[in-house]
């Protein structure tokens, strides 16, 4: 699979939905993690990211306008020792609890399916990154309906050992805008990374669709020490 420009990919897609990016900086010293959310409805757009421990959660920007919290209020990022879990829904807790009981990432998700938001049946996308001094690895998962058929759940897990410096994998919920929204297809995209967290944050935020973007989380983790830097941008807090 060819490495593509993350900037161009985002610029040319008005609605990838929610997205997870995992990879390594060009200098090979840091793990790259990112998660963004977008929205078309007033309820979806009424959100911000807030820090919670070493992770983050979503929160209503204006609680008086919150109509249905079921699929929009959740914990996207949790840290479990030297692992970081990132998802687009409450399956973050499913993975955390499953792995706490000695299940694998893939096994933990066996009890979950795509979201019950007919007619879109939004895929559940998840990632886990394991950082250790002698290197790191990560895996990504997507649980999606079979071409919009809610009777069939298709499960895909992608595992990456010894990731290549300067590259990351990008998985998002929707192929593009539409009614209903078409689910992501194929393997996670191979995209470029940069060494500076602020530069990478700008590439993401500046090229997400201005009308639909809501919030962005970016974290760079030192592979040798586990120390990290985090950036959070909320459109509603500008």
C-alpha atoms as a PDB file:
ATOM      1  CA  UNK A   1       0.000   0.000   0.000  1.00  0.00           C
ATOM      2  CA  UNK A   2       1.337   3.419  -0.990  1.00  0.00           C
ATOM      3  CA  UNK A   3       2.059   6.070   1.645  1.00  0.00           C
ATOM      4  CA  UNK A   4      -0.320   8.980   1.089  1.00  0.00           C
ATOM      5  CA  UNK A   5      -0.357  12.595   2.208  1.00  0.00           C
ATOM      6  CA  UNK A   6      -2.484  12.962   5.328  1.00  0.00           C
ATOM      7  CA  UNK A   7      -2.958  16.637   4.537  1.00  0.00           C
ATOM      8  CA  UNK A   8      -4.336  15.939   1.073  1.00  0.00           C
ATOM      9  CA  UNK A   9      -6.464  13.023   2.222  1.00  0.00           C
ATOM     10  CA  UNK A  10      -8.216  15.149   4.846  1.00  0.00           C
ATOM     11  CA  UNK A  11      -8.508  18.193   2.607  1.00  0.00           C
ATOM     12  CA  UNK A  12     -10.315  16.155  -0.042  1.00  0.00           C
ATOM     13  CA  UNK A  13     -12.806  14.458   2.281  1.00  0.00           C
ATOM     14  CA  UNK A  14     -15.482  16.668   3.860  1.00  0.00           C
ATOM     15  CA  UNK A  15     -16.680  13.971   6.236  1.00  0.00           C
ATOM     16  CA  UNK A  16     -14.386  11.094   7.305  1.00  0.00           C
ATOM     17  CA  UNK A  17     -16.342  11.147  10.602  1.00  0.00           C
ATOM     18  CA  UNK A  18     -14.194  10.035  13.520  1.00  0.00           C
ATOM     19  CA  UNK A  19     -10.575   9.034  12.976  1.00  0.00           C
ATOM     20  CA  UNK A  20      -7.691   7.263  14.725  1.00  0.00           C
ATOM     21  CA  UNK A  21      -4.032   7.621  13.720  1.00  0.00           C
ATOM     22  CA  UNK A  22      -1.202   5.498  15.192  1.00  0.00           C
ATOM     23  CA  UNK A  23       2.425   5.487  14.087  1.00  0.00           C
ATOM     24  CA  UNK A  24       6.020   6.638  14.624  1.00  0.00           C
ATOM     25  CA  UNK A  25       7.867   9.904  14.064  1.00  0.00           C
ATOM     26  CA  UNK A  26      10.472  10.141  11.267  1.00  0.00           C
ATOM     27  CA  UNK A  27      13.330  10.233  13.786  1.00  0.00           C
ATOM     28  CA  UNK A  28      12.067   6.979  15.296  1.00  0.00           C
ATOM     29  CA  UNK A  29      12.003   8.243  18.886  1.00  0.00           C
ATOM     30  CA  UNK A  30       8.280   8.834  19.473  1.00  0.00           C
ATOM     31  CA  UNK A  31       5.009   7.025  19.065  1.00  0.00           C
ATOM     32  CA  UNK A  32       2.307   9.094  17.380  1.00  0.00           C
ATOM     33  CA  UNK A  33      -1.343   8.923  18.470  1.00  0.00           C
ATOM     34  CA  UNK A  34      -4.281  11.040  17.374  1.00  0.00           C
ATOM     35  CA  UNK A  35      -8.077  10.997  17.496  1.00  0.00           C
ATOM     36  CA  UNK A  36     -10.566  13.441  16.010  1.00  0.00           C
ATOM     37  CA  UNK A  37     -14.336  13.771  15.934  1.00  0.00           C
ATOM     38  CA  UNK A  38     -16.650  15.479  13.464  1.00  0.00           C
ATOM     39  CA  UNK A  39     -20.402  16.053  13.407  1.00  0.00           C
ATOM     40  CA  UNK A  40     -23.290  17.126  11.209  1.00  0.00           C
ATOM     41  CA  UNK A  41     -26.130  17.441  13.757  1.00  0.00           C
ATOM     42  CA  UNK A  42     -26.431  20.070  16.487  1.00  0.00           C
ATOM     43  CA  UNK A  43     -26.232  17.319  19.113  1.00  0.00           C
ATOM     44  CA  UNK A  44     -22.988  15.901  17.663  1.00  0.00           C
ATOM     45  CA  UNK A  45     -21.407  19.331  17.319  1.00  0.00           C
ATOM     46  CA  UNK A  46     -22.178  20.242  20.928  1.00  0.00           C
ATOM     47  CA  UNK A  47     -19.053  18.527  22.286  1.00  0.00           C
ATOM     48  CA  UNK A  48     -15.559  19.127  23.577  1.00  0.00           C
ATOM     49  CA  UNK A  49     -12.644  16.942  24.686  1.00  0.00           C
ATOM     50  CA  UNK A  50     -11.588  17.274  28.342  1.00  0.00           C
ATOM     51  CA  UNK A  51      -8.663  15.588  30.078  1.00  0.00           C
ATOM     52  CA  UNK A  52      -9.425  12.810  32.538  1.00  0.00           C
ATOM     53  CA  UNK A  53      -6.346  11.385  34.244  1.00  0.00           C
ATOM     54  CA  UNK A  54      -3.913  10.434  31.462  1.00  0.00           C
ATOM     55  CA  UNK A  55      -6.815  10.054  29.027  1.00  0.00           C
ATOM     56  CA  UNK A  56      -9.693  12.163  27.731  1.00  0.00           C
ATOM     57  CA  UNK A  57     -13.490  12.081  27.637  1.00  0.00           C
ATOM     58  CA  UNK A  58     -16.120  13.868  25.615  1.00  0.00           C
ATOM     59  CA  UNK A  59     -18.374  16.378  27.310  1.00  0.00           C
ATOM     60  CA  UNK A  60     -21.314  18.515  26.222  1.00  0.00           C
ATOM     61  CA  UNK A  61     -20.178  22.074  25.531  1.00  0.00           C
ATOM     62  CA  UNK A  62     -23.647  23.402  26.356  1.00  0.00           C
ATOM     63  CA  UNK A  63     -25.434  20.837  28.597  1.00  0.00           C
ATOM     64  CA  UNK A  64     -28.793  22.527  27.971  1.00  0.00           C
ATOM     65  CA  UNK A  65     -28.592  21.570  24.275  1.00  0.00           C
ATOM     66  CA  UNK A  66     -27.682  17.910  24.840  1.00  0.00           C
ATOM     67  CA  UNK A  67     -30.542  15.748  23.537  1.00  0.00           C
ATOM     68  CA  UNK A  68     -29.112  12.209  23.364  1.00  0.00           C
ATOM     69  CA  UNK A  69     -25.811  11.350  25.087  1.00  0.00           C
ATOM     70  CA  UNK A  70     -25.846   7.631  24.222  1.00  0.00           C
ATOM     71  CA  UNK A  71     -23.413   7.631  21.285  1.00  0.00           C
ATOM     72  CA  UNK A  72     -21.609  10.951  21.715  1.00  0.00           C
ATOM     73  CA  UNK A  73     -20.556  11.046  25.401  1.00  0.00           C
ATOM     74  CA  UNK A  74     -17.826   8.510  26.135  1.00  0.00           C
ATOM     75  CA  UNK A  75     -14.142   8.049  27.030  1.00  0.00           C
ATOM     76  CA  UNK A  76     -12.133   7.938  23.772  1.00  0.00           C
ATOM     77  CA  UNK A  77      -8.701   7.539  25.403  1.00  0.00           C
ATOM     78  CA  UNK A  78      -7.584   5.482  28.412  1.00  0.00           C
ATOM     79  CA  UNK A  79      -4.101   4.521  29.548  1.00  0.00           C
ATOM     80  CA  UNK A  80      -3.395   1.042  30.920  1.00  0.00           C
ATOM     81  CA  UNK A  81       0.185   0.839  32.141  1.00  0.00           C
ATOM     82  CA  UNK A  82       2.352   1.163  29.025  1.00  0.00           C
ATOM     83  CA  UNK A  83      -0.634   0.763  26.718  1.00  0.00           C
ATOM     84  CA  UNK A  84      -2.927   3.487  25.347  1.00  0.00           C
ATOM     85  CA  UNK A  85      -6.427   2.599  24.150  1.00  0.00           C
ATOM     86  CA  UNK A  86      -8.213   4.894  21.659  1.00  0.00           C
ATOM     87  CA  UNK A  87     -11.727   4.303  20.319  1.00  0.00           C
ATOM     88  CA  UNK A  88     -14.733   6.148  18.902  1.00  0.00           C
ATOM     89  CA  UNK A  89     -17.179   4.953  21.577  1.00  0.00           C
ATOM     90  CA  UNK A  90     -17.803   3.245  24.878  1.00  0.00           C
ATOM     91  CA  UNK A  91     -15.894   0.168  23.660  1.00  0.00           C
ATOM     92  CA  UNK A  92     -12.864   1.848  25.257  1.00  0.00           C
ATOM     93  CA  UNK A  93     -14.177   0.460  28.558  1.00  0.00           C
ATOM     94  CA  UNK A  94     -14.882  -2.939  26.963  1.00  0.00           C
ATOM     95  CA  UNK A  95     -11.263  -3.224  25.827  1.00  0.00           C
ATOM     96  CA  UNK A  96      -9.901  -1.957  29.148  1.00  0.00           C
ATOM     97  CA  UNK A  97     -11.968  -4.417  31.182  1.00  0.00           C
ATOM     98  CA  UNK A  98     -11.302  -7.305  28.796  1.00  0.00           C
ATOM     99  CA  UNK A  99      -7.547  -6.838  28.839  1.00  0.00           C
ATOM    100  CA  UNK A 100      -7.667  -6.441  32.614  1.00  0.00           C
ATOM    101  CA  UNK A 101      -9.090  -9.989  32.615  1.00  0.00           C
ATOM    102  CA  UNK A 102      -6.320 -11.331  30.360  1.00  0.00           C
ATOM    103  CA  UNK A 103      -8.237 -11.146  27.069  1.00  0.00           C
ATOM    104  CA  UNK A 104      -6.514  -9.858  23.952  1.00  0.00           C
ATOM    105  CA  UNK A 105      -7.501  -6.646  22.192  1.00  0.00           C
ATOM    106  CA  UNK A 106      -9.356  -8.645  19.522  1.00  0.00           C
ATOM    107  CA  UNK A 107     -11.036 -10.988  22.028  1.00  0.00           C
ATOM    108  CA  UNK A 108     -12.241  -8.050  24.120  1.00  0.00           C
ATOM    109  CA  UNK A 109     -14.181  -6.670  21.146  1.00  0.00           C
ATOM    110  CA  UNK A 110     -15.978  -9.935  20.320  1.00  0.00           C
ATOM    111  CA  UNK A 111     -18.981  -8.859  22.397  1.00  0.00           C
ATOM    112  CA  UNK A 112     -19.382  -5.563  20.515  1.00  0.00           C
ATOM    113  CA  UNK A 113     -20.778  -4.576  17.101  1.00  0.00           C
ATOM    114  CA  UNK A 114     -21.224  -1.411  15.033  1.00  0.00           C
ATOM    115  CA  UNK A 115     -23.332   1.398  16.477  1.00  0.00           C
ATOM    116  CA  UNK A 116     -27.144   0.998  16.332  1.00  0.00           C
ATOM    117  CA  UNK A 117     -27.668   4.319  14.544  1.00  0.00           C
ATOM    118  CA  UNK A 118     -29.792   3.271  11.573  1.00  0.00           C
ATOM    119  CA  UNK A 119     -29.392   3.816   8.646  1.00  0.00           C
ATOM    120  CA  UNK A 120     -25.672   4.634   9.031  1.00  0.00           C
ATOM    121  CA  UNK A 121     -24.683   1.793  11.384  1.00  0.00           C
ATOM    122  CA  UNK A 122     -21.515   3.694  12.211  1.00  0.00           C
ATOM    123  CA  UNK A 123     -18.471   1.406  12.501  1.00  0.00           C
ATOM    124  CA  UNK A 124     -16.787   1.066  15.864  1.00  0.00           C
ATOM    125  CA  UNK A 125     -13.105   1.836  15.316  1.00  0.00           C
ATOM    126  CA  UNK A 126     -10.497   1.093  17.980  1.00  0.00           C
ATOM    127  CA  UNK A 127      -6.744   1.182  18.433  1.00  0.00           C
ATOM    128  CA  UNK A 128      -4.224   0.077  21.030  1.00  0.00           C
ATOM    129  CA  UNK A 129      -0.593   1.103  21.178  1.00  0.00           C
ATOM    130  CA  UNK A 130       1.940  -0.746  23.357  1.00  0.00           C
ATOM    131  CA  UNK A 131       4.989   1.389  24.156  1.00  0.00           C
ATOM    132  CA  UNK A 132       8.132  -0.237  25.573  1.00  0.00           C
ATOM    133  CA  UNK A 133      11.832   0.732  25.669  1.00  0.00           C
ATOM    134  CA  UNK A 134      12.896  -1.882  23.103  1.00  0.00           C
ATOM    135  CA  UNK A 135      10.287  -0.716  20.608  1.00  0.00           C
ATOM    136  CA  UNK A 136       6.535  -0.696  20.301  1.00  0.00           C
ATOM    137  CA  UNK A 137       3.644  -2.138  18.361  1.00  0.00           C
ATOM    138  CA  UNK A 138       0.029  -1.308  17.753  1.00  0.00           C
ATOM    139  CA  UNK A 139      -3.222  -2.772  16.479  1.00  0.00           C
ATOM    140  CA  UNK A 140      -6.396  -1.316  14.985  1.00  0.00           C
ATOM    141  CA  UNK A 141      -9.912  -2.727  14.684  1.00  0.00           C
ATOM    142  CA  UNK A 142     -13.090  -1.906  12.799  1.00  0.00           C
ATOM    143  CA  UNK A 143     -16.488  -3.500  13.451  1.00  0.00           C
ATOM    144  CA  UNK A 144     -18.853  -2.648  10.600  1.00  0.00           C
ATOM    145  CA  UNK A 145     -22.110  -3.749   9.036  1.00  0.00           C
ATOM    146  CA  UNK A 146     -22.011  -5.774   5.837  1.00  0.00           C
ATOM    147  CA  UNK A 147     -22.765  -3.072   3.263  1.00  0.00           C
ATOM    148  CA  UNK A 148     -25.399  -1.521   5.526  1.00  0.00           C
ATOM    149  CA  UNK A 149     -27.025  -4.836   6.499  1.00  0.00           C
ATOM    150  CA  UNK A 150     -27.547  -4.712  10.293  1.00  0.00           C
ATOM    151  CA  UNK A 151     -27.947  -8.509  10.456  1.00  0.00           C
ATOM    152  CA  UNK A 152     -24.266  -9.045   9.664  1.00  0.00           C
ATOM    153  CA  UNK A 153     -21.234  -7.667  11.531  1.00  0.00           C
ATOM    154  CA  UNK A 154     -17.860  -7.771   9.786  1.00  0.00           C
ATOM    155  CA  UNK A 155     -14.822  -7.739  12.098  1.00  0.00           C
ATOM    156  CA  UNK A 156     -11.347  -6.711  10.992  1.00  0.00           C
ATOM    157  CA  UNK A 157      -8.185  -6.422  13.114  1.00  0.00           C
ATOM    158  CA  UNK A 158      -4.864  -5.090  11.802  1.00  0.00           C
ATOM    159  CA  UNK A 159      -1.672  -5.606  13.833  1.00  0.00           C
ATOM    160  CA  UNK A 160       1.586  -3.732  13.210  1.00  0.00           C
ATOM    161  CA  UNK A 161       4.913  -4.971  14.619  1.00  0.00           C
ATOM    162  CA  UNK A 162       7.968  -2.706  14.671  1.00  0.00           C
ATOM    163  CA  UNK A 163       6.253   0.192  12.823  1.00  0.00           C
ATOM    164  CA  UNK A 164       8.280   2.072  10.215  1.00  0.00           C
ATOM    165  CA  UNK A 165       9.643   5.500  11.221  1.00  0.00           C
ATOM    166  CA  UNK A 166       7.857   8.383   9.523  1.00  0.00           C
ATOM    167  CA  UNK A 167       4.675   6.434   8.900  1.00  0.00           C
ATOM    168  CA  UNK A 168       1.337   5.883  10.605  1.00  0.00           C
ATOM    169  CA  UNK A 169      -1.940   4.110   9.916  1.00  0.00           C
ATOM    170  CA  UNK A 170      -5.170   6.064   9.631  1.00  0.00           C
ATOM    171  CA  UNK A 171      -8.595   4.493  10.216  1.00  0.00           C
ATOM    172  CA  UNK A 172     -11.832   6.474  10.080  1.00  0.00           C
ATOM    173  CA  UNK A 173     -15.526   5.681  10.311  1.00  0.00           C
ATOM    174  CA  UNK A 174     -16.899   6.879   6.977  1.00  0.00           C
ATOM    175  CA  UNK A 175     -15.556   6.582   3.463  1.00  0.00           C
ATOM    176  CA  UNK A 176     -17.005  10.021   2.687  1.00  0.00           C
ATOM    177  CA  UNK A 177     -20.103  12.156   3.219  1.00  0.00           C
ATOM    178  CA  UNK A 178     -23.471  10.780   2.149  1.00  0.00           C
ATOM    179  CA  UNK A 179     -26.979   9.762   3.182  1.00  0.00           C
ATOM    180  CA  UNK A 180     -26.706   7.179   4.548  1.00  0.00           C
ATOM    181  CA  UNK A 181     -23.035   7.560   5.394  1.00  0.00           C
ATOM    182  CA  UNK A 182     -20.910   4.866   3.688  1.00  0.00           C
ATOM    183  CA  UNK A 183     -18.625   2.911   6.037  1.00  0.00           C
ATOM    184  CA  UNK A 184     -14.825   2.969   5.697  1.00  0.00           C
ATOM    185  CA  UNK A 185     -13.518   0.302   3.309  1.00  0.00           C
ATOM    186  CA  UNK A 186     -10.232  -1.602   3.161  1.00  0.00           C
ATOM    187  CA  UNK A 187      -7.097  -1.526   5.294  1.00  0.00           C
ATOM    188  CA  UNK A 188      -6.122   1.495   7.385  1.00  0.00           C
ATOM    189  CA  UNK A 189      -4.377   4.061   5.189  1.00  0.00           C
ATOM    190  CA  UNK A 190      -0.598   4.494   5.369  1.00  0.00           C
ATOM    191  CA  UNK A 191       0.133   8.177   5.963  1.00  0.00           C
ATOM    192  CA  UNK A 192       3.121  10.392   6.662  1.00  0.00           C
ATOM    193  CA  UNK A 193       4.101  11.711  10.095  1.00  0.00           C
ATOM    194  CA  UNK A 194       6.354  14.583  11.211  1.00  0.00           C
ATOM    195  CA  UNK A 195       8.701  14.960  14.175  1.00  0.00           C
ATOM    196  CA  UNK A 196       7.011  17.947  15.833  1.00  0.00           C
ATOM    197  CA  UNK A 197       3.738  17.454  17.694  1.00  0.00           C
ATOM    198  CA  UNK A 198       2.592  21.011  16.972  1.00  0.00           C
ATOM    199  CA  UNK A 199       3.248  20.596  13.253  1.00  0.00           C
ATOM    200  CA  UNK A 200       1.324  17.317  13.208  1.00  0.00           C
ATOM    201  CA  UNK A 201      -1.544  18.861  15.163  1.00  0.00           C
ATOM    202  CA  UNK A 202      -1.724  21.678  12.619  1.00  0.00           C
ATOM    203  CA  UNK A 203      -1.726  19.269   9.673  1.00  0.00           C
ATOM    204  CA  UNK A 204      -4.740  17.529  11.148  1.00  0.00           C
ATOM    205  CA  UNK A 205      -6.758  20.474  12.439  1.00  0.00           C
ATOM    206  CA  UNK A 206      -6.105  22.824   9.524  1.00  0.00           C
ATOM    207  CA  UNK A 207      -7.202  20.257   6.942  1.00  0.00           C
ATOM    208  CA  UNK A 208     -10.270  18.798   8.625  1.00  0.00           C
ATOM    209  CA  UNK A 209     -13.450  20.264   7.111  1.00  0.00           C
ATOM    210  CA  UNK A 210     -14.080  23.617   8.813  1.00  0.00           C
ATOM    211  CA  UNK A 211     -17.841  23.163   9.106  1.00  0.00           C
ATOM    212  CA  UNK A 212     -17.821  19.590  10.382  1.00  0.00           C
ATOM    213  CA  UNK A 213     -14.740  19.316  12.633  1.00  0.00           C
ATOM    214  CA  UNK A 214     -15.346  19.372  16.394  1.00  0.00           C
ATOM    215  CA  UNK A 215     -12.355  18.237  18.485  1.00  0.00           C
ATOM    216  CA  UNK A 216      -8.838  16.856  18.115  1.00  0.00           C
ATOM    217  CA  UNK A 217      -6.498  14.950  20.469  1.00  0.00           C
ATOM    218  CA  UNK A 218      -2.812  14.382  19.632  1.00  0.00           C
ATOM    219  CA  UNK A 219      -0.187  12.700  21.809  1.00  0.00           C
ATOM    220  CA  UNK A 220       3.497  12.027  21.159  1.00  0.00           C
ATOM    221  CA  UNK A 221       5.074   9.399  23.452  1.00  0.00           C
ATOM    222  CA  UNK A 222       8.819   8.959  24.014  1.00  0.00           C
ATOM    223  CA  UNK A 223       9.453   5.290  23.235  1.00  0.00           C
ATOM    224  CA  UNK A 224      12.453   5.042  25.580  1.00  0.00           C
ATOM    225  CA  UNK A 225      10.880   6.651  28.652  1.00  0.00           C
ATOM    226  CA  UNK A 226       7.109   6.671  28.164  1.00  0.00           C
ATOM    227  CA  UNK A 227       7.010  10.442  28.735  1.00  0.00           C
ATOM    228  CA  UNK A 228       4.437  12.197  26.570  1.00  0.00           C
ATOM    229  CA  UNK A 229       3.159  15.515  25.275  1.00  0.00           C
ATOM    230  CA  UNK A 230      -0.514  16.110  24.513  1.00  0.00           C
ATOM    231  CA  UNK A 231      -2.409  18.660  22.438  1.00  0.00           C
ATOM    232  CA  UNK A 232      -6.187  19.120  22.534  1.00  0.00           C
ATOM    233  CA  UNK A 233      -8.144  21.488  20.283  1.00  0.00           C
ATOM    234  CA  UNK A 234     -11.865  22.125  20.648  1.00  0.00           C
ATOM    235  CA  UNK A 235     -13.692  24.170  18.023  1.00  0.00           C
ATOM    236  CA  UNK A 236     -16.258  25.234  20.634  1.00  0.00           C
ATOM    237  CA  UNK A 237     -13.552  26.618  22.938  1.00  0.00           C
ATOM    238  CA  UNK A 238     -11.967  28.963  20.378  1.00  0.00           C
END
